[in-house]
Amino acid sequence: MQKLCTSSTVFLRRLTALLFLVALAAFVEHGKLAGFDNSTDLSQVSSARILLRELYPELSGKGYGGRLILDGSYDAEMSLRNFALVVWKAKRILNTDKDVPPPSLPLPEERILTASFEFDSRGVINSLHVSSPEIVHDTRNEDLRRTVDQHQKWTDAQVEKALRDGGAKYAPQERDALLRAIPREALEPQLGRYKVESAEFRMRHRQPSGNLAELYWEVSVASEVRDGRRLAWSMTFEPFDGRLTSIIRDMTDR
């Protein structure tokens, strides 16, 4: 009898969850989800997720958790034009029959990748910033920057040697290889078909108090987006595997 009651409870719990998902889908379909700007905002989250899956395919199939973090004024209606998607090492499986505590923000050491998005009112990206200790090699690049900063008298050739010795595939002389490695298939659904205007390796920022190592590629492109606007963009790529670290739309195009 107890086993029968337990089975019934499990069935009712699953049925309730299914009905909730059906109701949520209906609200989304008709753009009636309270607090969001109809289906436009919701489609931006979907577009962001698709872009990340295309850019960083190794994140898929690992059982990682995901968090959507809204960025905006507490006193104003929330909008999904500014948000972050956090991929993290989930410690528990939420798909369970057992009661679970309410979700909490991932601790810094649990985070695999954080991507901060900003969209305009037409659903086109204004900016994207990606950070990850391993996926975009934040840790390796920061260590190398620190080493370069400690050797202020190094020539550019010595900095490039340090890059190559550190495992960078796309050192300053590898411009053509970097451009070939840019994932157009992932980017053009968001940016439109683009033309590369320039590509420059940012070695060091020179200033009176001492040079600061930068060590990244900056690629400027121009494109026509789906609503017909011609826009300019700056994209940055880390030198180790050429992974995208940011997209920034020209301020005059916003």
C-alpha atoms as a PDB file:
ATOM      1  CA  MET A   1       0.000   0.000   0.000  1.00  0.00           C
ATOM      2  CA  GLN A   2       2.835   2.383   0.884  1.00  0.00           C
ATOM      3  CA  LYS A   3       4.561   1.524  -2.392  1.00  0.00           C
ATOM      4  CA  LEU A   4       1.339   2.309  -4.282  1.00  0.00           C
ATOM      5  CA  CYS A   5       1.032   5.708  -2.550  1.00  0.00           C
ATOM      6  CA  THR A   6       4.641   6.503  -3.338  1.00  0.00           C
ATOM      7  CA  SER A   7       4.124   5.640  -7.019  1.00  0.00           C
ATOM      8  CA  SER A   8       0.997   7.797  -7.126  1.00  0.00           C
ATOM      9  CA  THR A   9       2.870  10.706  -5.557  1.00  0.00           C
ATOM     10  CA  VAL A  10       5.672  10.405  -8.089  1.00  0.00           C
ATOM     11  CA  PHE A  11       3.160  10.239 -10.950  1.00  0.00           C
ATOM     12  CA  LEU A  12       1.269  13.317  -9.736  1.00  0.00           C
ATOM     13  CA  ARG A  13       4.532  15.241  -9.272  1.00  0.00           C
ATOM     14  CA  ARG A  14       5.623  14.436 -12.814  1.00  0.00           C
ATOM     15  CA  LEU A  15       2.187  15.239 -14.214  1.00  0.00           C
ATOM     16  CA  THR A  16       2.204  18.604 -12.415  1.00  0.00           C
ATOM     17  CA  ALA A  17       5.651  19.396 -13.834  1.00  0.00           C
ATOM     18  CA  LEU A  18       4.480  18.438 -17.335  1.00  0.00           C
ATOM     19  CA  LEU A  19       1.374  20.617 -17.101  1.00  0.00           C
ATOM     20  CA  PHE A  20       3.505  23.526 -15.901  1.00  0.00           C
ATOM     21  CA  LEU A  21       5.815  23.183 -18.900  1.00  0.00           C
ATOM     22  CA  VAL A  22       2.858  23.046 -21.279  1.00  0.00           C
ATOM     23  CA  ALA A  23       1.396  26.183 -19.691  1.00  0.00           C
ATOM     24  CA  LEU A  24       4.746  27.958 -19.826  1.00  0.00           C
ATOM     25  CA  ALA A  25       5.144  27.075 -23.487  1.00  0.00           C
ATOM     26  CA  ALA A  26       1.690  28.488 -24.190  1.00  0.00           C
ATOM     27  CA  PHE A  27       2.558  31.752 -22.446  1.00  0.00           C
ATOM     28  CA  VAL A  28       5.832  32.042 -24.340  1.00  0.00           C
ATOM     29  CA  GLU A  29       4.114  31.264 -27.644  1.00  0.00           C
ATOM     30  CA  HIS A  30       1.678  34.108 -27.186  1.00  0.00           C
ATOM     31  CA  GLY A  31       4.209  36.526 -25.711  1.00  0.00           C
ATOM     32  CA  LYS A  32       2.352  36.793 -22.386  1.00  0.00           C
ATOM     33  CA  LEU A  33       5.109  35.841 -19.946  1.00  0.00           C
ATOM     34  CA  ALA A  34       4.875  38.516 -17.252  1.00  0.00           C
ATOM     35  CA  GLY A  35       7.938  40.686 -16.728  1.00  0.00           C
ATOM     36  CA  PHE A  36       9.470  40.154 -20.168  1.00  0.00           C
ATOM     37  CA  ASP A  37       9.183  42.082 -23.399  1.00  0.00           C
ATOM     38  CA  ASN A  38       7.036  39.489 -25.176  1.00  0.00           C
ATOM     39  CA  SER A  39       8.752  36.896 -27.365  1.00  0.00           C
ATOM     40  CA  THR A  40      11.582  39.204 -28.500  1.00  0.00           C
ATOM     41  CA  ASP A  41      13.388  39.061 -25.167  1.00  0.00           C
ATOM     42  CA  LEU A  42      12.885  35.314 -24.894  1.00  0.00           C
ATOM     43  CA  SER A  43      14.269  34.705 -28.387  1.00  0.00           C
ATOM     44  CA  GLN A  44      17.424  36.624 -27.410  1.00  0.00           C
ATOM     45  CA  VAL A  45      18.143  34.105 -24.660  1.00  0.00           C
ATOM     46  CA  SER A  46      17.657  31.300 -27.158  1.00  0.00           C
ATOM     47  CA  SER A  47      19.945  33.039 -29.683  1.00  0.00           C
ATOM     48  CA  ALA A  48      22.600  33.554 -27.007  1.00  0.00           C
ATOM     49  CA  ARG A  49      22.499  29.891 -26.009  1.00  0.00           C
ATOM     50  CA  ILE A  50      22.750  28.742 -29.629  1.00  0.00           C
ATOM     51  CA  LEU A  51      25.714  31.063 -30.218  1.00  0.00           C
ATOM     52  CA  LEU A  52      27.572  29.727 -27.170  1.00  0.00           C
ATOM     53  CA  ARG A  53      26.936  26.129 -28.190  1.00  0.00           C
ATOM     54  CA  GLU A  54      28.362  26.871 -31.643  1.00  0.00           C
ATOM     55  CA  LEU A  55      31.388  28.776 -30.336  1.00  0.00           C
ATOM     56  CA  TYR A  56      32.247  26.384 -27.488  1.00  0.00           C
ATOM     57  CA  PRO A  57      30.929  22.924 -28.446  1.00  0.00           C
ATOM     58  CA  GLU A  58      32.978  21.206 -25.738  1.00  0.00           C
ATOM     59  CA  LEU A  59      30.522  22.543 -23.131  1.00  0.00           C
ATOM     60  CA  SER A  60      27.738  20.282 -24.408  1.00  0.00           C
ATOM     61  CA  GLY A  61      27.084  16.763 -23.174  1.00  0.00           C
ATOM     62  CA  LYS A  62      28.989  17.227 -19.899  1.00  0.00           C
ATOM     63  CA  GLY A  63      25.994  17.526 -17.579  1.00  0.00           C
ATOM     64  CA  TYR A  64      26.913  21.096 -16.668  1.00  0.00           C
ATOM     65  CA  GLY A  65      24.358  23.357 -15.036  1.00  0.00           C
ATOM     66  CA  GLY A  66      23.212  26.667 -16.447  1.00  0.00           C
ATOM     67  CA  ARG A  67      22.124  29.936 -14.846  1.00  0.00           C
ATOM     68  CA  LEU A  68      20.448  32.949 -16.422  1.00  0.00           C
ATOM     69  CA  ILE A  69      21.275  36.140 -14.511  1.00  0.00           C
ATOM     70  CA  LEU A  70      19.351  39.313 -15.321  1.00  0.00           C
ATOM     71  CA  ASP A  71      21.107  42.662 -15.139  1.00  0.00           C
ATOM     72  CA  GLY A  72      18.916  45.714 -14.582  1.00  0.00           C
ATOM     73  CA  SER A  73      17.265  48.035 -12.125  1.00  0.00           C
ATOM     74  CA  TYR A  74      15.401  46.381  -9.261  1.00  0.00           C
ATOM     75  CA  ASP A  75      12.787  49.170  -9.388  1.00  0.00           C
ATOM     76  CA  ALA A  76      12.119  48.843 -13.132  1.00  0.00           C
ATOM     77  CA  GLU A  77      10.526  46.119 -15.232  1.00  0.00           C
ATOM     78  CA  MET A  78      13.143  43.490 -15.956  1.00  0.00           C
ATOM     79  CA  SER A  79      14.256  43.101 -19.565  1.00  0.00           C
ATOM     80  CA  LEU A  80      16.255  40.334 -21.178  1.00  0.00           C
ATOM     81  CA  ARG A  81      18.324  42.766 -23.209  1.00  0.00           C
ATOM     82  CA  ASN A  82      21.084  42.582 -20.578  1.00  0.00           C
ATOM     83  CA  PHE A  83      21.846  39.220 -19.033  1.00  0.00           C
ATOM     84  CA  ALA A  84      24.563  36.684 -18.319  1.00  0.00           C
ATOM     85  CA  LEU A  85      24.587  32.975 -19.006  1.00  0.00           C
ATOM     86  CA  VAL A  86      26.723  31.019 -16.552  1.00  0.00           C
ATOM     87  CA  VAL A  87      27.810  27.434 -17.253  1.00  0.00           C
ATOM     88  CA  TRP A  88      28.848  25.652 -14.071  1.00  0.00           C
ATOM     89  CA  LYS A  89      29.605  22.312 -12.486  1.00  0.00           C
ATOM     90  CA  ALA A  90      26.250  21.299 -11.034  1.00  0.00           C
ATOM     91  CA  LYS A  91      26.505  19.419  -7.741  1.00  0.00           C
ATOM     92  CA  ARG A  92      23.029  17.972  -7.871  1.00  0.00           C
ATOM     93  CA  ILE A  93      20.608  16.719 -10.497  1.00  0.00           C
ATOM     94  CA  LEU A  94      17.388  18.715 -10.437  1.00  0.00           C
ATOM     95  CA  ASN A  95      15.587  16.060 -12.501  1.00  0.00           C
ATOM     96  CA  THR A  96      14.763  13.928  -9.460  1.00  0.00           C
ATOM     97  CA  ASP A  97      11.802  12.741  -7.429  1.00  0.00           C
ATOM     98  CA  LYS A  98      13.383  14.022  -4.232  1.00  0.00           C
ATOM     99  CA  ASP A  99      12.810  17.480  -2.842  1.00  0.00           C
ATOM    100  CA  VAL A 100      15.715  19.815  -3.585  1.00  0.00           C
ATOM    101  CA  PRO A 101      16.682  23.157  -2.035  1.00  0.00           C
ATOM    102  CA  PRO A 102      16.056  26.327  -4.044  1.00  0.00           C
ATOM    103  CA  PRO A 103      18.754  27.095  -6.643  1.00  0.00           C
ATOM    104  CA  SER A 104      21.689  29.249  -5.616  1.00  0.00           C
ATOM    105  CA  LEU A 105      24.267  31.155  -7.629  1.00  0.00           C
ATOM    106  CA  PRO A 106      27.304  29.054  -8.579  1.00  0.00           C
ATOM    107  CA  LEU A 107      30.429  29.740  -6.553  1.00  0.00           C
ATOM    108  CA  PRO A 108      33.334  31.241  -8.521  1.00  0.00           C
ATOM    109  CA  GLU A 109      35.261  27.964  -8.412  1.00  0.00           C
ATOM    110  CA  GLU A 110      32.262  26.122  -9.879  1.00  0.00           C
ATOM    111  CA  ARG A 111      31.932  28.350 -12.915  1.00  0.00           C
ATOM    112  CA  ILE A 112      33.101  26.928 -16.237  1.00  0.00           C
ATOM    113  CA  LEU A 113      32.200  29.904 -18.420  1.00  0.00           C
ATOM    114  CA  THR A 114      30.391  33.222 -18.025  1.00  0.00           C
ATOM    115  CA  ALA A 115      28.994  35.077 -21.037  1.00  0.00           C
ATOM    116  CA  SER A 116      27.523  38.567 -20.588  1.00  0.00           C
ATOM    117  CA  PHE A 117      25.182  39.706 -23.366  1.00  0.00           C
ATOM    118  CA  GLU A 118      23.636  43.037 -24.289  1.00  0.00           C
ATOM    119  CA  PHE A 119      21.039  43.287 -27.084  1.00  0.00           C
ATOM    120  CA  ASP A 120      19.390  46.312 -28.655  1.00  0.00           C
ATOM    121  CA  SER A 121      15.628  46.824 -28.965  1.00  0.00           C
ATOM    122  CA  ARG A 122      15.596  44.976 -32.303  1.00  0.00           C
ATOM    123  CA  GLY A 123      17.255  41.863 -30.917  1.00  0.00           C
ATOM    124  CA  VAL A 124      20.719  42.496 -32.375  1.00  0.00           C
ATOM    125  CA  ILE A 125      23.795  42.097 -30.185  1.00  0.00           C
ATOM    126  CA  ASN A 126      25.399  45.237 -28.782  1.00  0.00           C
ATOM    127  CA  SER A 127      28.094  43.353 -26.907  1.00  0.00           C
ATOM    128  CA  LEU A 128      29.240  39.972 -25.674  1.00  0.00           C
ATOM    129  CA  HIS A 129      32.003  39.340 -23.123  1.00  0.00           C
ATOM    130  CA  VAL A 130      33.180  35.819 -22.364  1.00  0.00           C
ATOM    131  CA  SER A 131      35.346  34.715 -19.454  1.00  0.00           C
ATOM    132  CA  SER A 132      36.557  31.247 -18.543  1.00  0.00           C
ATOM    133  CA  PRO A 133      39.704  29.994 -16.828  1.00  0.00           C
ATOM    134  CA  GLU A 134      40.113  27.153 -19.332  1.00  0.00           C
ATOM    135  CA  ILE A 135      37.768  27.482 -22.322  1.00  0.00           C
ATOM    136  CA  VAL A 136      39.134  30.906 -23.374  1.00  0.00           C
ATOM    137  CA  HIS A 137      42.372  30.484 -21.389  1.00  0.00           C
ATOM    138  CA  ASP A 138      41.942  33.399 -18.983  1.00  0.00           C
ATOM    139  CA  THR A 139      44.319  31.792 -16.494  1.00  0.00           C
ATOM    140  CA  ARG A 140      47.100  31.095 -19.010  1.00  0.00           C
ATOM    141  CA  ASN A 141      46.820  34.548 -20.538  1.00  0.00           C
ATOM    142  CA  GLU A 142      46.853  36.298 -17.170  1.00  0.00           C
ATOM    143  CA  ASP A 143      49.946  34.337 -16.136  1.00  0.00           C
ATOM    144  CA  LEU A 144      51.692  35.278 -19.373  1.00  0.00           C
ATOM    145  CA  ARG A 145      50.706  38.939 -19.051  1.00  0.00           C
ATOM    146  CA  ARG A 146      52.158  38.960 -15.564  1.00  0.00           C
ATOM    147  CA  THR A 147      55.425  37.496 -16.866  1.00  0.00           C
ATOM    148  CA  VAL A 148      55.642  40.063 -19.666  1.00  0.00           C
ATOM    149  CA  ASP A 149      54.892  42.909 -17.255  1.00  0.00           C
ATOM    150  CA  GLN A 150      57.780  41.727 -15.099  1.00  0.00           C
ATOM    151  CA  HIS A 151      60.159  42.056 -18.062  1.00  0.00           C
ATOM    152  CA  GLN A 152      59.685  45.655 -19.135  1.00  0.00           C
ATOM    153  CA  LYS A 153      62.839  45.619 -21.267  1.00  0.00           C
ATOM    154  CA  TRP A 154      61.721  42.701 -23.418  1.00  0.00           C
ATOM    155  CA  THR A 155      61.493  43.449 -27.123  1.00  0.00           C
ATOM    156  CA  ASP A 156      58.381  42.513 -29.110  1.00  0.00           C
ATOM    157  CA  ALA A 157      60.344  39.554 -30.485  1.00  0.00           C
ATOM    158  CA  GLN A 158      61.006  38.332 -26.948  1.00  0.00           C
ATOM    159  CA  VAL A 159      57.327  38.706 -26.051  1.00  0.00           C
ATOM    160  CA  GLU A 160      56.375  36.721 -29.149  1.00  0.00           C
ATOM    161  CA  LYS A 161      58.843  33.993 -28.183  1.00  0.00           C
ATOM    162  CA  ALA A 162      57.255  33.846 -24.720  1.00  0.00           C
ATOM    163  CA  LEU A 163      53.871  33.470 -26.403  1.00  0.00           C
ATOM    164  CA  ARG A 164      55.045  30.609 -28.592  1.00  0.00           C
ATOM    165  CA  ASP A 165      56.881  28.922 -25.724  1.00  0.00           C
ATOM    166  CA  GLY A 166      53.656  29.210 -23.708  1.00  0.00           C
ATOM    167  CA  GLY A 167      51.716  27.333 -26.375  1.00  0.00           C
ATOM    168  CA  ALA A 168      50.052  30.180 -28.315  1.00  0.00           C
ATOM    169  CA  LYS A 169      48.978  28.974 -31.779  1.00  0.00           C
ATOM    170  CA  TYR A 170      48.120  32.487 -32.924  1.00  0.00           C
ATOM    171  CA  ALA A 171      51.147  34.636 -32.154  1.00  0.00           C
ATOM    172  CA  PRO A 172      51.485  38.077 -33.831  1.00  0.00           C
ATOM    173  CA  GLN A 173      52.799  36.612 -37.100  1.00  0.00           C
ATOM    174  CA  GLU A 174      49.826  34.249 -37.499  1.00  0.00           C
ATOM    175  CA  ARG A 175      47.288  36.789 -38.751  1.00  0.00           C
ATOM    176  CA  ASP A 176      46.096  34.769 -41.746  1.00  0.00           C
ATOM    177  CA  ALA A 177      45.768  31.601 -39.675  1.00  0.00           C
ATOM    178  CA  LEU A 178      43.733  33.477 -37.051  1.00  0.00           C
ATOM    179  CA  LEU A 179      41.356  34.862 -39.677  1.00  0.00           C
ATOM    180  CA  ARG A 180      40.835  31.391 -41.138  1.00  0.00           C
ATOM    181  CA  ALA A 181      40.051  30.054 -37.672  1.00  0.00           C
ATOM    182  CA  ILE A 182      37.273  32.561 -36.914  1.00  0.00           C
ATOM    183  CA  PRO A 183      33.982  30.584 -36.756  1.00  0.00           C
ATOM    184  CA  ARG A 184      31.945  32.442 -39.385  1.00  0.00           C
ATOM    185  CA  GLU A 185      29.202  29.816 -39.351  1.00  0.00           C
ATOM    186  CA  ALA A 186      28.524  30.577 -35.696  1.00  0.00           C
ATOM    187  CA  LEU A 187      28.866  34.370 -35.896  1.00  0.00           C
ATOM    188  CA  GLU A 188      27.073  35.328 -39.100  1.00  0.00           C
ATOM    189  CA  PRO A 189      23.556  34.335 -37.928  1.00  0.00           C
ATOM    190  CA  GLN A 190      24.030  37.057 -35.288  1.00  0.00           C
ATOM    191  CA  LEU A 191      26.205  39.619 -37.086  1.00  0.00           C
ATOM    192  CA  GLY A 192      25.152  39.055 -40.671  1.00  0.00           C
ATOM    193  CA  ARG A 193      27.634  38.360 -43.477  1.00  0.00           C
ATOM    194  CA  TYR A 194      30.664  40.371 -42.529  1.00  0.00           C
ATOM    195  CA  LYS A 195      33.813  41.715 -44.151  1.00  0.00           C
ATOM    196  CA  VAL A 196      37.077  41.932 -42.221  1.00  0.00           C
ATOM    197  CA  GLU A 197      38.326  45.516 -42.157  1.00  0.00           C
ATOM    198  CA  SER A 198      41.451  44.986 -40.045  1.00  0.00           C
ATOM    199  CA  ALA A 199      43.167  42.504 -37.741  1.00  0.00           C
ATOM    200  CA  GLU A 200      45.830  43.515 -35.257  1.00  0.00           C
ATOM    201  CA  PHE A 201      47.621  41.751 -32.439  1.00  0.00           C
ATOM    202  CA  ARG A 202      47.578  43.872 -29.302  1.00  0.00           C
ATOM    203  CA  MET A 203      50.983  43.313 -27.759  1.00  0.00           C
ATOM    204  CA  ARG A 204      51.422  45.955 -25.053  1.00  0.00           C
ATOM    205  CA  HIS A 205      49.783  49.177 -23.985  1.00  0.00           C
ATOM    206  CA  ARG A 206      52.607  51.673 -23.642  1.00  0.00           C
ATOM    207  CA  GLN A 207      52.347  54.298 -20.914  1.00  0.00           C
ATOM    208  CA  PRO A 208      54.781  56.415 -18.861  1.00  0.00           C
ATOM    209  CA  SER A 209      54.527  54.293 -15.724  1.00  0.00           C
ATOM    210  CA  GLY A 210      55.367  51.088 -17.610  1.00  0.00           C
ATOM    211  CA  ASN A 211      54.040  48.922 -20.398  1.00  0.00           C
ATOM    212  CA  LEU A 212      51.008  46.712 -19.731  1.00  0.00           C
ATOM    213  CA  ALA A 213      50.756  43.418 -21.586  1.00  0.00           C
ATOM    214  CA  GLU A 214      47.539  42.888 -23.569  1.00  0.00           C
ATOM    215  CA  LEU A 215      48.209  39.781 -25.698  1.00  0.00           C
ATOM    216  CA  TYR A 216      45.050  39.377 -27.749  1.00  0.00           C
ATOM    217  CA  TRP A 217      43.848  39.770 -31.320  1.00  0.00           C
ATOM    218  CA  GLU A 218      41.425  42.547 -32.277  1.00  0.00           C
ATOM    219  CA  VAL A 219      39.502  42.030 -35.504  1.00  0.00           C
ATOM    220  CA  SER A 220      37.300  44.802 -36.903  1.00  0.00           C
ATOM    221  CA  VAL A 221      34.473  43.801 -39.245  1.00  0.00           C
ATOM    222  CA  ALA A 222      31.555  45.452 -41.041  1.00  0.00           C
ATOM    223  CA  SER A 223      28.273  43.726 -41.806  1.00  0.00           C
ATOM    224  CA  GLU A 224      24.620  44.138 -42.726  1.00  0.00           C
ATOM    225  CA  VAL A 225      22.258  42.662 -40.139  1.00  0.00           C
ATOM    226  CA  ARG A 226      18.881  41.076 -40.816  1.00  0.00           C
ATOM    227  CA  ASP A 227      16.943  44.353 -40.454  1.00  0.00           C
ATOM    228  CA  GLY A 228      19.085  46.012 -43.151  1.00  0.00           C
ATOM    229  CA  ARG A 229      21.320  48.161 -40.927  1.00  0.00           C
ATOM    230  CA  ARG A 230      25.025  48.375 -41.755  1.00  0.00           C
ATOM    231  CA  LEU A 231      26.995  47.979 -38.543  1.00  0.00           C
ATOM    232  CA  ALA A 232      30.625  47.877 -37.433  1.00  0.00           C
ATOM    233  CA  TRP A 233      32.006  45.486 -34.841  1.00  0.00           C
ATOM    234  CA  SER A 234      35.196  44.757 -32.951  1.00  0.00           C
ATOM    235  CA  MET A 235      35.897  41.158 -31.953  1.00  0.00           C
ATOM    236  CA  THR A 236      38.709  39.938 -29.708  1.00  0.00           C
ATOM    237  CA  PHE A 237      40.355  36.502 -29.657  1.00  0.00           C
ATOM    238  CA  GLU A 238      42.804  34.934 -27.243  1.00  0.00           C
ATOM    239  CA  PRO A 239      46.139  33.777 -28.748  1.00  0.00           C
ATOM    240  CA  PHE A 240      46.315  30.175 -27.510  1.00  0.00           C
ATOM    241  CA  ASP A 241      43.448  28.583 -29.449  1.00  0.00           C
ATOM    242  CA  GLY A 242      41.953  31.661 -31.095  1.00  0.00           C
ATOM    243  CA  ARG A 243      38.723  31.488 -29.081  1.00  0.00           C
ATOM    244  CA  LEU A 244      36.368  34.456 -29.173  1.00  0.00           C
ATOM    245  CA  THR A 245      36.450  36.550 -25.982  1.00  0.00           C
ATOM    246  CA  SER A 246      34.304  39.554 -26.931  1.00  0.00           C
ATOM    247  CA  ILE A 247      32.106  41.231 -29.517  1.00  0.00           C
ATOM    248  CA  ILE A 248      31.602  44.983 -29.222  1.00  0.00           C
ATOM    249  CA  ARG A 249      29.441  46.988 -31.580  1.00  0.00           C
ATOM    250  CA  ASP A 250      30.677  50.440 -32.589  1.00  0.00           C
ATOM    251  CA  MET A 251      29.093  53.027 -30.301  1.00  0.00           C
ATOM    252  CA  THR A 252      28.063  55.175 -33.268  1.00  0.00           C
ATOM    253  CA  ASP A 253      25.906  52.286 -34.521  1.00  0.00           C
ATOM    254  CA  ARG A 254      23.859  51.929 -31.338  1.00  0.00           C
END
